[in-house]
Amino acid sequence: MNKIRTPIGALVLAATALAAAVLGGTSSAASQKAPKGTLVSIHRTALGNILADARGHTLYLFEKDKNRMSSCNGACIAYWPAVITGAKPRAGAGARASLLGTTKRSDGRRQVTYAGHPLYTFAGDSKAGQTTGEGLTDFGAAWDAIAPNGRQIEADASASGASGIGQGSGW
């Protein structure tokens, strides 16, 4: 009888170990595939410290947006892509997690917000650190880079030309 119990016990033990390995691998793989939220961090540019995405591209606000809702749709989105996330946005170096959020776009996707401003990149910024969208007035309102405190960065009214860029008042 002891000879039968030993192989059965070994078989049960082996089956348990195999099941744990299979199930452990499944849950591990599932956790690795869980979507990560869009990363927003602070980068130093010619404008000073501004919000940027994971690629270092400047993030902008659109002054036409009101009540956390995007006003940029259709042709606007081709030039000013919305910053979309599949999960809770993440605060990188210098960004404040308490200022991050999302808003639902008209197409149902979740757009990242910072201090209540829906965020966008600019198609004209092809490299990290570029701020060529700063101060443009495409699609009916101004576009501004965003400071770490959530306020827009605007051209200094007292300076001539584009060389006098500074932080503006809030929105």
Protein backbone atom coordinates (compact mmCIF):
# COMPACT_ATOMS: atom_id res chain seq x y z
CA MET A 1 0.00 0.00 0.00
CA ASN A 2 2.89 2.35 0.80
CA LYS A 3 4.25 1.76 -2.69
CA ILE A 4 1.01 3.06 -4.21
CA ARG A 5 0.74 6.12 -1.91
CA THR A 6 4.25 7.35 -2.75
CA PRO A 7 3.66 7.58 -6.54
CA ILE A 8 0.21 9.13 -6.01
CA GLY A 9 1.67 11.70 -3.59
CA ALA A 10 4.47 12.50 -6.03
CA LEU A 11 1.96 12.80 -8.88
CA VAL A 12 -0.25 15.19 -6.86
CA LEU A 13 2.79 17.25 -5.90
CA ALA A 14 3.98 17.42 -9.51
CA ALA A 15 0.50 18.39 -10.75
CA THR A 16 0.26 21.12 -8.12
CA ALA A 17 3.68 22.51 -9.07
CA LEU A 18 2.76 22.42 -12.77
CA ALA A 19 -0.55 24.20 -12.16
CA ALA A 20 1.18 26.86 -10.05
CA ALA A 21 3.78 27.42 -12.77
CA VAL A 22 1.13 27.70 -15.49
CA LEU A 23 -1.18 29.95 -13.49
CA GLY A 24 1.71 31.98 -12.15
CA GLY A 25 2.94 32.53 -15.70
CA THR A 26 -0.51 33.59 -16.83
CA SER A 27 -1.03 36.15 -14.10
CA SER A 28 2.51 37.45 -14.57
CA ALA A 29 1.96 37.83 -18.32
CA ALA A 30 -1.38 39.52 -17.72
CA SER A 31 0.17 42.05 -15.36
CA GLN A 32 2.91 42.79 -17.89
CA LYS A 33 0.30 43.49 -20.57
CA ALA A 34 -1.74 45.85 -18.39
CA PRO A 35 -1.85 49.22 -20.13
CA LYS A 36 0.36 51.93 -18.72
CA GLY A 37 -0.97 55.44 -18.60
CA THR A 38 0.60 58.16 -20.69
CA LEU A 39 3.71 59.66 -19.10
CA VAL A 40 3.83 63.43 -18.55
CA SER A 41 7.04 64.99 -17.26
CA ILE A 42 8.91 68.28 -17.18
CA HIS A 43 11.63 69.15 -19.70
CA ARG A 44 13.89 72.17 -19.97
CA THR A 45 13.50 74.14 -23.23
CA ALA A 46 14.19 77.64 -24.51
CA LEU A 47 10.85 78.59 -22.91
CA GLY A 48 11.96 77.26 -19.52
CA ASN A 49 10.57 74.18 -17.77
CA ILE A 50 7.51 72.86 -19.59
CA LEU A 51 5.33 69.77 -19.78
CA ALA A 52 6.44 67.13 -22.27
CA ASP A 53 5.45 63.61 -23.26
CA ALA A 54 7.62 60.49 -22.98
CA ARG A 55 9.41 61.41 -26.23
CA GLY A 56 10.27 64.88 -24.88
CA HIS A 57 7.77 66.59 -27.19
CA THR A 58 6.19 69.76 -25.85
CA LEU A 59 2.62 69.56 -24.58
CA TYR A 60 0.27 72.43 -25.31
CA LEU A 61 -3.08 73.78 -24.14
CA PHE A 62 -5.67 75.33 -26.46
CA GLU A 63 -7.21 78.52 -25.08
CA LYS A 64 -10.52 77.71 -26.78
CA ASP A 65 -11.00 74.64 -24.54
CA LYS A 66 -13.41 75.27 -21.67
CA ASN A 67 -14.58 73.24 -18.67
CA ARG A 68 -12.00 70.49 -19.23
CA MET A 69 -13.51 69.75 -22.65
CA SER A 70 -11.57 69.72 -25.92
CA SER A 71 -12.63 72.11 -28.68
CA CYS A 72 -10.08 70.69 -31.14
CA ASN A 73 -11.70 68.22 -33.53
CA GLY A 74 -11.65 67.39 -37.24
CA ALA A 75 -8.84 69.17 -39.12
CA CYS A 76 -7.55 70.62 -35.85
CA ILE A 77 -6.56 67.18 -34.54
CA ALA A 78 -4.42 66.55 -37.64
CA TYR A 79 -2.16 69.47 -36.63
CA TRP A 80 -2.65 69.32 -32.87
CA PRO A 81 -2.93 65.62 -31.90
CA ALA A 82 -4.66 65.04 -28.58
CA VAL A 83 -2.62 63.27 -25.90
CA ILE A 84 -4.58 60.03 -25.45
CA THR A 85 -4.26 57.47 -22.67
CA GLY A 86 -5.59 53.97 -22.13
CA ALA A 87 -5.08 54.11 -18.37
CA LYS A 88 -4.52 56.61 -15.57
CA PRO A 89 -1.86 59.11 -16.74
CA ARG A 90 1.49 58.95 -14.94
CA ALA A 91 3.50 61.85 -13.57
CA GLY A 92 7.17 61.74 -14.52
CA ALA A 93 10.02 63.88 -13.22
CA GLY A 94 8.76 67.29 -12.07
CA ALA A 95 5.11 66.80 -13.04
CA ARG A 96 2.45 66.86 -10.32
CA ALA A 97 0.29 63.74 -10.19
CA SER A 98 -2.44 65.76 -8.45
CA LEU A 99 -2.80 67.95 -11.57
CA LEU A 100 -3.14 65.01 -14.00
CA GLY A 101 -6.52 63.76 -15.13
CA THR A 102 -8.53 62.78 -18.19
CA THR A 103 -11.50 64.01 -20.16
CA LYS A 104 -13.67 62.06 -22.58
CA ARG A 105 -13.39 63.23 -26.19
CA SER A 106 -16.31 63.23 -28.62
CA ASP A 107 -14.91 60.03 -30.19
CA GLY A 108 -14.96 58.29 -26.79
CA ARG A 109 -11.20 58.22 -26.24
CA ARG A 110 -9.66 59.56 -23.02
CA GLN A 111 -7.54 62.69 -23.40
CA VAL A 112 -4.97 63.55 -20.73
CA THR A 113 -5.52 66.82 -18.84
CA TYR A 114 -3.18 68.84 -16.63
CA ALA A 115 -4.64 71.38 -14.22
CA GLY A 116 -7.89 70.91 -16.14
CA HIS A 117 -6.37 71.70 -19.57
CA PRO A 118 -6.73 69.01 -22.26
CA LEU A 119 -3.23 68.30 -23.62
CA TYR A 120 -1.99 68.27 -27.22
CA THR A 121 1.25 67.89 -29.12
CA PHE A 122 2.02 69.89 -32.28
CA ALA A 123 2.68 68.19 -35.62
CA GLY A 124 5.31 70.85 -36.38
CA ASP A 125 7.46 69.76 -33.42
CA SER A 126 9.52 66.96 -34.95
CA LYS A 127 12.18 66.70 -32.24
CA ALA A 128 12.26 66.63 -28.46
CA GLY A 129 12.43 70.09 -26.91
CA GLN A 130 10.98 71.97 -29.88
CA THR A 131 8.32 74.57 -29.05
CA THR A 132 7.31 75.78 -32.52
CA GLY A 133 3.62 75.66 -31.63
CA GLU A 134 4.00 78.22 -28.83
CA GLY A 135 1.81 81.27 -29.40
CA LEU A 136 0.22 80.09 -32.65
CA THR A 137 -3.44 81.00 -33.12
CA ASP A 138 -4.62 78.12 -35.29
CA PHE A 139 -8.28 77.07 -35.22
CA GLY A 140 -9.63 80.13 -33.45
CA ALA A 141 -7.50 80.56 -30.34
CA ALA A 142 -3.96 80.59 -29.01
CA TRP A 143 -1.85 77.51 -28.26
CA ASP A 144 0.55 77.67 -25.33
CA ALA A 145 3.12 75.42 -23.71
CA ILE A 146 2.38 74.60 -20.08
CA ALA A 147 4.51 75.29 -17.00
CA PRO A 148 4.86 72.70 -14.20
CA ASN A 149 2.29 74.62 -12.12
CA GLY A 150 -0.32 74.13 -14.86
CA ARG A 151 -0.28 77.70 -16.14
CA GLN A 152 0.22 78.59 -19.76
CA ILE A 153 3.49 80.01 -20.98
CA GLU A 154 3.05 83.03 -23.24
CA ALA A 155 5.21 85.46 -25.18
CA ASP A 156 6.25 88.39 -23.01
CA ALA A 157 4.19 91.35 -24.24
CA SER A 158 6.96 93.83 -23.40
CA ALA A 159 9.53 92.07 -25.56
CA SER A 160 9.86 92.49 -29.27
CA GLY A 161 9.82 89.43 -31.49
CA ALA A 162 9.93 85.85 -30.34
CA SER A 163 13.03 86.27 -28.17
CA GLY A 164 11.10 87.48 -25.14
CA ILE A 165 9.20 84.38 -24.18
CA GLY A 166 8.24 84.03 -20.53
CA GLN A 167 5.68 82.52 -18.23
CA GLY A 168 2.28 84.08 -18.47
CA SER A 169 -0.54 84.40 -16.01
CA GLY A 170 -2.94 81.57 -15.39
CA TRP A 171 -5.88 80.41 -17.42
